[in-house]
Amino acid sequence: MKKIILIINVLFLSLLSFAADDQPEKAGDNLDLDAVLNLFEKSESVEDFENQLNSEKNDVNNLDLNEDGFVDYIRVIDYSDGNTHSLTLQVPYSDEEAQDVAVIHIEEEGKETSVQIVGDEELYGTDYIIEPGDDKSDAVVNAYNWKPVRHIYGPKYTIWVSPWRFGRYPAHYKPWKPVTWSVYRTHPRHHRVHSRRVTVYRSHHARNHYHKYRKHSNTYHTHHKNAKQNHAKNKHNPSKNKKITKSANPSPAKPSPTSPGAKKSNTQRQFSGKPTKRPGGRKSDGGKSGGKKSGGKKRGKKGR
């Protein structure tokens, strides 16, 4: 009997140890930026890119920042200035707060276009920069002919500001549960392109312009800091592994900024209809408000 109890205890501790170790080192590891960059290159437009990011079949997004048991919806907001665009990937963390996840910097000069995706330091650490290219070469890839790039710099492009917010999503969106880290890290491989991590920003103008608008969730910052500390302790003492709960009282945050005097475009008006209520989100108004007020955001001026 003592041997059986000893074996059970060993198995139990092994399972706890595996659960503690089956966690990514950084929160951003649940959103592979190489795969995101590949998804952007294959998209038809910025709107299509947002739809692809939030599709379970693409196996790219596995973030659950607010730990509500569902993969986060990532909205895309374009902060444009002149010939630069900063496509911001942002998670509505709660009704009051949003947390930027990453940003795609695009700058075009003539027929030369640079593209980089930068992970937010809260999730990826400082200066986590990914760009298309080969580690064996320093040559900068020209993304001029990428479909979404040509869409952005086309004459009919209207600055894209996602109309969706926490608990209010398009009807075609189907929420899903995140998978474990050991499972997720095998998923994005079929999205791999020739990309590399670098330390140089190709567009300082886009970077500086974006930082005026960066969204930071105080609740996520506090919770994530505590979670990292507890995870480090649990790795050394798995028998004390406990679930971390999030704060129920997030600090208020202003809505995402848009250009003053912006007008709604045909792209935004097509979202009319009843939105999807995601589990864990705020109750919808039953569609009484209609699609025109679903996002509470307006468009900016036309991009180049």
Protein backbone atom coordinates (compact mmCIF):
# COMPACT_ATOMS: atom_id res chain seq x y z
CA MET A 1 0.00 0.00 0.00
CA LYS A 2 2.82 2.42 0.86
CA LYS A 3 4.38 1.81 -2.57
CA ILE A 4 1.07 2.59 -4.30
CA ILE A 5 0.69 5.84 -2.33
CA LEU A 6 4.27 6.79 -3.15
CA ILE A 7 3.70 6.17 -6.88
CA ILE A 8 0.47 8.22 -6.82
CA ASN A 9 2.26 11.12 -5.11
CA VAL A 10 5.10 11.03 -7.63
CA LEU A 11 2.62 11.02 -10.55
CA PHE A 12 0.65 13.86 -8.96
CA LEU A 13 3.74 16.03 -8.49
CA SER A 14 4.86 15.24 -12.03
CA LEU A 15 1.52 16.42 -13.41
CA LEU A 16 1.72 19.63 -11.39
CA SER A 17 5.26 20.20 -12.58
CA PHE A 18 4.20 19.68 -16.21
CA ALA A 19 1.29 22.12 -15.78
CA ALA A 20 3.66 24.73 -14.37
CA ASP A 21 6.16 24.21 -17.19
CA ASP A 22 3.54 24.15 -19.96
CA GLN A 23 3.44 27.94 -19.99
CA PRO A 24 5.09 30.35 -22.43
CA GLU A 25 7.95 32.48 -21.17
CA LYS A 26 6.23 35.62 -22.50
CA ALA A 27 2.51 36.35 -22.96
CA GLY A 28 3.24 37.26 -26.58
CA ASP A 29 4.35 33.71 -27.30
CA ASN A 30 0.66 32.95 -27.75
CA LEU A 31 0.61 35.20 -30.81
CA ASP A 32 3.41 34.21 -33.19
CA LEU A 33 4.40 37.44 -34.99
CA ASP A 34 6.07 35.56 -37.85
CA ALA A 35 2.70 33.92 -38.53
CA VAL A 36 0.91 37.27 -38.16
CA LEU A 37 3.24 38.86 -40.73
CA ASN A 38 2.59 35.96 -43.10
CA LEU A 39 -1.16 36.34 -42.57
CA PHE A 40 -0.92 40.05 -43.36
CA GLU A 41 0.99 39.40 -46.59
CA LYS A 42 -1.72 36.97 -47.77
CA SER A 43 -4.66 39.23 -46.87
CA GLU A 44 -6.64 41.22 -49.41
CA SER A 45 -7.12 44.30 -47.26
CA VAL A 46 -6.78 45.55 -43.68
CA GLU A 47 -10.35 44.49 -42.92
CA ASP A 48 -9.64 41.03 -44.32
CA PHE A 49 -6.49 40.89 -42.20
CA GLU A 50 -8.53 41.54 -39.05
CA ASN A 51 -10.98 38.81 -40.05
CA GLN A 52 -8.15 36.33 -40.66
CA LEU A 53 -6.56 37.12 -37.30
CA ASN A 54 -9.82 36.26 -35.58
CA SER A 55 -10.45 32.97 -37.35
CA GLU A 56 -9.82 29.79 -35.40
CA LYS A 57 -8.95 27.84 -38.56
CA ASN A 58 -5.80 29.91 -39.11
CA ASP A 59 -4.22 28.73 -35.82
CA VAL A 60 -2.45 32.07 -35.29
CA ASN A 61 -4.16 33.72 -32.32
CA ASN A 62 -4.08 31.95 -28.94
CA LEU A 63 -4.14 35.00 -26.64
CA ASP A 64 -6.36 35.14 -23.57
CA LEU A 65 -5.07 38.21 -21.77
CA ASN A 66 -8.06 38.72 -19.49
CA GLU A 67 -8.33 34.97 -18.77
CA ASP A 68 -12.05 34.72 -19.48
CA GLY A 69 -11.57 31.30 -21.06
CA PHE A 70 -11.81 32.48 -24.68
CA VAL A 71 -9.21 33.59 -27.20
CA ASP A 72 -9.14 37.39 -27.38
CA TYR A 73 -10.62 39.24 -30.34
CA ILE A 74 -7.89 41.38 -31.92
CA ARG A 75 -9.07 44.58 -33.56
CA VAL A 76 -6.93 46.54 -36.02
CA ILE A 77 -6.58 50.32 -35.99
CA ASP A 78 -4.56 52.25 -38.56
CA TYR A 79 -2.74 55.32 -37.22
CA SER A 80 -1.73 57.01 -40.45
CA ASP A 81 0.46 60.03 -41.03
CA GLY A 82 1.58 60.99 -44.53
CA ASN A 83 3.14 58.02 -46.26
CA THR A 84 3.40 55.95 -43.07
CA HIS A 85 0.85 53.61 -41.53
CA SER A 86 0.90 51.89 -38.14
CA LEU A 87 -1.58 49.00 -38.13
CA THR A 88 -2.14 48.46 -34.43
CA LEU A 89 -3.25 45.05 -33.17
CA GLN A 90 -5.25 45.75 -30.05
CA VAL A 91 -7.19 43.58 -27.58
CA PRO A 92 -10.24 45.12 -25.85
CA TYR A 93 -9.22 43.95 -22.38
CA SER A 94 -12.48 44.93 -20.72
CA ASP A 95 -15.33 47.41 -21.14
CA GLU A 96 -13.02 50.20 -19.99
CA GLU A 97 -9.53 49.19 -21.10
CA ALA A 98 -7.60 48.06 -24.17
CA GLN A 99 -4.11 46.61 -24.52
CA ASP A 100 -1.97 46.92 -27.64
CA VAL A 101 -0.46 43.61 -28.69
CA ALA A 102 1.71 44.55 -31.68
CA VAL A 103 1.96 47.11 -34.45
CA ILE A 104 2.83 46.78 -38.14
CA HIS A 105 4.86 49.77 -39.35
CA ILE A 106 4.61 50.50 -43.07
CA GLU A 107 6.41 53.25 -44.96
CA GLU A 108 6.44 53.79 -48.71
CA GLU A 109 8.85 55.92 -50.72
CA GLY A 110 8.30 55.68 -54.46
CA LYS A 111 8.13 51.97 -55.23
CA GLU A 112 10.01 50.93 -52.12
CA THR A 113 7.93 49.80 -49.13
CA SER A 114 9.28 48.62 -45.78
CA VAL A 115 7.18 46.49 -43.42
CA GLN A 116 7.99 45.50 -39.85
CA ILE A 117 5.89 44.10 -37.03
CA VAL A 118 6.84 45.11 -33.48
CA GLY A 119 5.55 43.28 -30.41
CA ASP A 120 4.33 45.44 -27.54
CA GLU A 121 6.86 45.47 -24.71
CA GLU A 122 4.21 44.34 -22.20
CA LEU A 123 3.90 41.02 -24.05
CA TYR A 124 7.19 40.58 -25.92
CA GLY A 125 9.78 42.68 -24.14
CA THR A 126 11.66 45.69 -25.51
CA ASP A 127 12.32 46.10 -29.26
CA TYR A 128 10.92 42.77 -30.43
CA ILE A 129 11.03 43.52 -34.18
CA ILE A 130 10.23 41.05 -36.95
CA GLU A 131 10.54 41.77 -40.67
CA PRO A 132 10.45 39.72 -43.89
CA GLY A 133 13.88 38.58 -44.93
CA ASP A 134 16.60 35.99 -44.53
CA ASP A 135 19.01 35.70 -41.61
CA LYS A 136 21.79 35.03 -44.12
CA SER A 137 21.29 38.39 -45.84
CA ASP A 138 20.97 42.01 -44.71
CA ALA A 139 18.86 42.94 -47.74
CA VAL A 140 15.59 44.69 -46.91
CA VAL A 141 12.57 43.05 -48.53
CA ASN A 142 10.46 45.38 -50.66
CA ALA A 143 6.79 44.78 -49.81
CA TYR A 144 5.51 47.17 -52.49
CA ASN A 145 3.54 44.45 -54.32
CA TRP A 146 1.90 42.87 -51.27
CA LYS A 147 -1.88 42.99 -51.77
CA PRO A 148 -2.75 44.72 -48.48
CA VAL A 149 0.02 47.28 -49.08
CA ARG A 150 -1.38 48.17 -52.49
CA HIS A 151 -4.83 48.33 -50.87
CA ILE A 152 -3.58 50.76 -48.21
CA TYR A 153 -1.85 53.06 -50.69
CA GLY A 154 -4.68 52.81 -53.24
CA PRO A 155 -6.89 55.81 -54.08
CA LYS A 156 -10.03 54.24 -52.56
CA TYR A 157 -8.56 53.33 -49.19
CA THR A 158 -10.22 54.85 -46.13
CA ILE A 159 -8.26 54.72 -42.89
CA TRP A 160 -9.31 51.50 -41.15
CA VAL A 161 -10.52 51.77 -37.56
CA SER A 162 -12.13 48.58 -36.33
CA PRO A 163 -15.70 49.28 -35.17
CA TRP A 164 -15.73 46.44 -32.62
CA ARG A 165 -15.21 46.55 -28.87
CA PHE A 166 -15.27 44.26 -25.83
CA GLY A 167 -18.30 41.96 -26.01
CA ARG A 168 -19.45 43.35 -29.39
CA TYR A 169 -18.15 41.54 -32.48
CA PRO A 170 -19.19 40.86 -36.08
CA ALA A 171 -21.85 38.21 -36.67
CA HIS A 172 -19.42 35.91 -38.52
CA TYR A 173 -17.00 35.82 -35.56
CA LYS A 174 -17.04 32.58 -33.59
CA PRO A 175 -15.16 32.64 -30.26
CA TRP A 176 -13.09 29.61 -29.30
CA LYS A 177 -11.13 28.34 -26.33
CA PRO A 178 -7.32 28.64 -26.21
CA VAL A 179 -5.14 25.54 -26.42
CA THR A 180 -2.19 24.74 -24.17
CA TRP A 181 1.19 26.25 -24.98
CA SER A 182 2.68 22.86 -25.92
CA VAL A 183 -0.08 22.43 -28.52
CA TYR A 184 -0.12 26.02 -29.81
CA ARG A 185 3.60 26.24 -30.52
CA THR A 186 3.22 23.55 -33.21
CA HIS A 187 0.32 25.33 -34.95
CA PRO A 188 1.85 28.41 -36.64
CA ARG A 189 4.54 26.44 -38.47
CA HIS A 190 2.56 26.22 -41.69
CA HIS A 191 2.44 30.04 -41.72
CA ARG A 192 6.20 30.42 -41.58
CA VAL A 193 7.76 32.73 -44.14
CA HIS A 194 11.30 33.95 -44.53
CA SER A 195 11.38 36.39 -41.63
CA ARG A 196 14.00 37.46 -39.14
CA ARG A 197 14.34 39.34 -35.91
CA VAL A 198 16.23 42.62 -36.18
CA THR A 199 17.20 45.51 -33.91
CA VAL A 200 16.77 48.37 -36.40
CA TYR A 201 13.53 50.27 -37.03
CA ARG A 202 12.99 50.91 -40.75
CA SER A 203 10.52 53.74 -40.18
CA HIS A 204 11.28 55.99 -37.23
CA HIS A 205 8.49 58.31 -38.33
CA ALA A 206 5.86 55.56 -38.07
CA ARG A 207 7.28 54.44 -34.74
CA ASN A 208 7.22 57.94 -33.21
CA HIS A 209 3.75 58.69 -34.55
CA TYR A 210 2.32 55.44 -33.18
CA HIS A 211 3.64 56.03 -29.64
CA LYS A 212 1.30 59.01 -29.33
CA TYR A 213 -1.63 56.59 -29.45
CA ARG A 214 -0.34 53.42 -27.77
CA LYS A 215 -2.94 51.82 -25.49
CA HIS A 216 -1.80 50.33 -22.19
CA SER A 217 -4.03 48.48 -19.71
CA ASN A 218 -3.06 49.14 -16.09
CA THR A 219 -5.09 46.14 -15.00
CA TYR A 220 -3.30 43.81 -17.39
CA HIS A 221 0.10 45.25 -16.42
CA THR A 222 -0.53 44.64 -12.70
CA HIS A 223 -2.02 41.20 -13.20
CA HIS A 224 0.63 40.09 -15.70
CA LYS A 225 3.43 41.21 -13.37
CA ASN A 226 1.95 39.20 -10.50
CA ALA A 227 1.33 36.21 -12.76
CA LYS A 228 4.98 36.14 -13.88
CA GLN A 229 6.18 36.26 -10.29
CA ASN A 230 3.85 33.45 -9.24
CA HIS A 231 4.78 31.36 -12.27
CA ALA A 232 8.46 31.68 -11.41
CA LYS A 233 7.75 30.52 -7.86
CA ASN A 234 5.53 27.66 -9.02
CA LYS A 235 8.19 26.33 -11.37
CA HIS A 236 10.42 25.78 -8.36
CA ASN A 237 7.58 24.64 -6.10
CA PRO A 238 4.87 23.04 -8.30
CA SER A 239 2.87 21.71 -5.35
CA LYS A 240 1.87 25.30 -4.57
CA ASN A 241 0.67 26.07 -8.09
CA LYS A 242 -2.49 28.13 -7.89
CA LYS A 243 -4.68 29.90 -10.41
CA ILE A 244 -4.25 33.66 -10.57
CA THR A 245 -7.44 35.72 -10.69
CA LYS A 246 -7.76 39.02 -12.44
CA SER A 247 -8.83 42.27 -10.86
CA ALA A 248 -12.55 42.91 -10.96
CA ASN A 249 -12.15 46.69 -10.96
CA PRO A 250 -10.16 47.82 -13.98
CA SER A 251 -9.07 51.42 -14.26
CA PRO A 252 -10.97 53.43 -16.88
CA ALA A 253 -9.34 54.16 -20.22
CA LYS A 254 -10.33 56.53 -22.98
CA PRO A 255 -11.53 55.05 -26.26
CA SER A 256 -9.03 54.70 -29.11
CA PRO A 257 -8.30 58.08 -30.73
CA THR A 258 -9.28 58.80 -34.31
CA SER A 259 -8.77 61.74 -36.60
CA PRO A 260 -10.95 64.78 -35.77
CA GLY A 261 -13.86 65.38 -38.08
CA ALA A 262 -13.63 61.88 -39.53
CA LYS A 263 -16.53 60.58 -41.61
CA LYS A 264 -17.99 57.11 -41.80
CA SER A 265 -17.12 55.21 -44.95
CA ASN A 266 -19.00 52.59 -46.92
CA THR A 267 -16.66 50.04 -45.34
CA GLN A 268 -17.87 50.88 -41.84
CA ARG A 269 -21.56 51.07 -42.80
CA GLN A 270 -21.52 47.47 -44.02
CA PHE A 271 -21.35 46.31 -40.39
CA SER A 272 -25.05 47.08 -39.89
CA GLY A 273 -26.91 44.21 -38.29
CA LYS A 274 -26.91 42.45 -34.95
CA PRO A 275 -23.40 41.88 -33.56
CA THR A 276 -22.21 38.72 -31.87
CA LYS A 277 -22.13 38.65 -28.07
CA ARG A 278 -19.02 36.80 -27.03
CA PRO A 279 -19.18 34.77 -23.79
CA GLY A 280 -17.62 36.78 -21.00
CA GLY A 281 -18.32 40.08 -22.71
CA ARG A 282 -20.80 42.83 -21.95
CA LYS A 283 -24.45 42.17 -22.68
CA SER A 284 -25.51 43.51 -26.06
CA ASP A 285 -28.47 45.82 -26.50
CA GLY A 286 -30.25 43.22 -28.62
CA GLY A 287 -29.37 45.03 -31.81
CA LYS A 288 -31.51 48.07 -30.95
CA SER A 289 -28.68 50.46 -31.62
CA GLY A 290 -28.06 49.13 -35.11
CA GLY A 291 -24.72 48.73 -36.84
CA LYS A 292 -23.96 52.43 -37.19
CA LYS A 293 -23.26 52.80 -33.48
CA SER A 294 -21.69 49.40 -32.88
CA GLY A 295 -18.13 50.60 -32.81
CA GLY A 296 -18.39 54.12 -31.53
CA LYS A 297 -15.48 55.10 -33.80
CA LYS A 298 -15.18 57.16 -36.92
CA ARG A 299 -12.90 57.09 -39.89
CA GLY A 300 -9.98 59.34 -40.51
CA LYS A 301 -9.03 61.07 -43.70
CA LYS A 302 -8.22 59.08 -46.79
CA GLY A 303 -4.75 57.58 -46.92
CA ARG A 304 -2.47 57.83 -49.88
